[in-house]
Protein backbone atom coordinates (compact mmCIF):
# COMPACT_ATOMS: atom_id res chain seq x y z
CA MET A 1 49.51 48.86 140.81
CA ASN A 2 49.44 46.01 143.30
CA ILE A 3 50.90 42.52 143.01
CA ILE A 4 49.70 40.00 145.56
CA ARG A 5 51.14 36.65 146.50
CA THR A 6 48.50 33.96 146.74
CA THR A 7 47.73 30.37 145.74
CA SER A 8 45.86 28.72 142.89
CA LYS A 9 42.67 28.95 144.96
CA ASN A 10 42.49 32.70 144.23
CA SER A 11 39.34 33.38 142.18
CA ASP A 12 40.98 36.10 140.07
CA PHE A 13 43.83 33.74 139.20
CA ILE A 14 41.34 31.03 138.22
CA ALA A 15 39.46 33.47 135.96
CA LEU A 16 42.66 34.65 134.28
CA VAL A 17 43.82 31.07 133.70
CA ARG A 18 40.51 30.27 131.99
CA LEU A 19 41.22 33.11 129.55
CA LEU A 20 44.78 31.87 129.12
CA ASP A 21 43.60 28.34 128.35
CA ALA A 22 41.07 29.62 125.80
CA ASP A 23 43.83 31.59 124.06
CA LEU A 24 46.21 28.61 124.10
CA ALA A 25 43.55 26.30 122.68
CA ILE A 26 43.42 28.55 119.62
CA ARG A 27 47.19 29.04 119.31
CA ASP A 28 48.15 25.42 119.95
CA GLY A 29 45.41 23.83 117.87
CA GLU A 30 45.72 20.05 117.82
CA ASP A 31 48.62 20.18 120.30
CA HIS A 32 46.51 21.83 123.02
CA LEU A 33 45.49 18.61 124.77
CA PHE A 34 49.12 17.52 125.01
CA TYR A 35 50.14 20.78 126.70
CA ALA A 36 47.02 21.05 128.87
CA GLN A 37 47.94 17.93 130.83
CA PHE A 38 50.98 19.77 132.26
CA ASN A 39 49.14 22.94 133.24
CA SER A 40 46.96 21.90 136.16
CA ILE A 41 46.50 24.62 138.75
CA ASP A 42 45.13 22.33 141.47
CA ALA A 43 48.09 22.69 143.81
CA LEU A 44 50.09 25.80 142.93
CA ASN A 45 51.22 27.37 146.17
CA HIS A 46 53.16 30.25 144.62
CA VAL A 47 50.91 32.47 142.51
CA VAL A 48 50.99 36.20 141.88
CA VAL A 49 48.14 38.33 140.56
CA TYR A 50 48.68 41.84 139.20
CA TYR A 51 45.99 44.43 139.93
CA GLU A 52 45.29 47.98 138.83
CA ASN A 53 42.30 49.80 140.27
CA LYS A 54 41.23 46.54 141.95
CA GLN A 55 40.99 44.78 138.55
CA ALA A 56 43.10 41.65 137.95
CA LEU A 57 45.07 42.23 134.75
CA GLY A 58 47.61 39.42 134.82
CA CYS A 59 49.05 36.48 136.68
CA GLY A 60 51.83 33.93 136.93
CA ALA A 61 52.98 31.10 139.15
CA PHE A 62 55.85 28.79 139.89
CA LYS A 63 56.24 25.28 141.19
CA PRO A 64 59.24 23.26 142.34
CA PHE A 65 61.25 21.82 139.47
CA SER A 66 64.44 20.51 141.08
CA GLU A 67 66.58 21.37 144.07
CA HIS A 68 66.95 25.17 144.10
CA CYS A 69 65.07 25.55 140.80
CA VAL A 70 61.45 26.42 140.04
CA GLU A 71 59.36 26.19 136.89
CA ILE A 72 57.43 29.31 135.86
CA LYS A 73 53.85 28.49 134.91
CA ARG A 74 50.56 30.11 133.88
CA MET A 75 51.88 33.51 132.79
CA PHE A 76 49.08 35.65 131.35
CA THR A 77 48.17 39.29 130.80
CA LEU A 78 44.81 40.44 129.47
CA PRO A 79 45.22 41.12 125.73
CA ASP A 80 44.18 44.78 125.96
CA GLN A 81 46.79 45.34 128.71
CA ARG A 82 49.80 43.94 126.84
CA THR A 83 52.86 46.03 125.92
CA LYS A 84 52.56 47.98 129.20
CA GLY A 85 55.26 46.02 131.08
CA ILE A 86 52.79 44.10 133.25
CA ALA A 87 54.13 40.67 132.31
CA SER A 88 57.69 41.72 133.14
CA LYS A 89 56.55 42.95 136.56
CA ILE A 90 54.76 39.64 137.18
CA LEU A 91 57.81 37.67 136.10
CA GLN A 92 60.10 39.77 138.32
CA ALA A 93 57.75 39.28 141.28
CA LEU A 94 57.87 35.51 140.74
CA GLU A 95 61.67 35.53 140.47
CA THR A 96 62.00 37.58 143.66
CA TRP A 97 59.73 35.21 145.56
CA ALA A 98 61.56 32.15 144.23
CA PHE A 99 64.91 33.67 145.25
CA GLU A 100 63.58 34.46 148.73
CA LEU A 101 62.80 30.72 149.03
CA ASN A 102 66.45 29.86 148.26
CA ASN A 103 66.01 29.00 144.59
CA HIS A 104 68.89 29.78 142.27
CA SER A 105 67.24 29.45 138.88
CA CYS A 106 63.96 29.33 136.97
CA VAL A 107 63.02 27.25 133.96
CA LEU A 108 59.96 27.48 131.76
CA GLU A 109 58.40 26.16 128.60
CA THR A 110 56.50 28.11 126.00
CA GLY A 111 55.29 27.30 122.53
CA ILE A 112 56.49 28.39 119.13
CA HIS A 113 53.04 29.91 118.52
CA GLN A 114 53.52 32.41 121.37
CA PRO A 115 55.92 35.04 119.98
CA GLU A 116 54.94 37.57 122.66
CA ALA A 117 55.95 35.13 125.40
CA ILE A 118 59.24 34.29 123.70
CA ALA A 119 60.07 38.01 123.41
CA LEU A 120 59.10 38.58 127.06
CA TYR A 121 61.39 35.85 128.36
CA GLU A 122 64.33 36.84 126.18
CA LYS A 123 63.91 40.51 127.19
CA ASN A 124 64.00 39.44 130.85
CA GLY A 125 67.26 37.50 130.61
CA TYR A 126 66.05 33.96 129.92
CA ARG A 127 68.20 31.88 127.59
CA ARG A 128 67.15 28.95 125.44
CA ILE A 129 68.01 25.52 126.79
CA SER A 130 67.38 22.00 125.55
CA ASN A 131 63.80 20.94 126.01
CA TYR A 132 63.42 19.21 129.35
CA GLY A 133 61.24 16.43 130.73
CA GLN A 134 57.93 15.98 128.97
CA TYR A 135 58.92 18.58 126.36
CA SER A 136 61.99 16.66 125.13
CA GLY A 137 61.64 16.05 121.43
CA VAL A 138 58.51 18.25 121.14
CA GLU A 139 59.14 20.47 118.12
CA THR A 140 56.50 23.05 119.10
CA SER A 141 58.03 23.64 122.55
CA LEU A 142 60.79 26.03 123.52
CA CYS A 143 62.43 25.86 126.95
CA PHE A 144 64.28 28.62 128.75
CA GLU A 145 66.31 29.13 131.93
CA LYS A 146 67.45 32.07 134.03
CA LYS A 147 69.90 32.15 136.89
CA LEU A 148 68.60 34.23 139.79
CA LYS A 149 70.73 36.80 141.58
């Protein structure tokens, strides 16, 4: 197992995000275009990619949200690699990096059609909060927060 820190220019990250977007297009249906506008990877400077045997199996990223808080973005694990704890390791790597950069909390948004993601975040200590920003009033969105230690 190897988790690297990189940017959104990483070719493995780009390939994984394409798979993520294809999956979300199916899950989100008509809502996909609304969500897609908030998921650009053009300028993500804090990306992690999880590797086993030199194969990229998952990824995640964060971007600044507010002072001392980041927003977790673009979490994905290959479908045939799920339930092995990879996503939790990616999330923990992102949280560690965010904390090293003097952030005190993480927020994120996921959709009601992503039960695996909801379970992942709850299992890793994220608690539901009111929908923030562009997700306020969006019934298919769920927002979460975690205080970092």
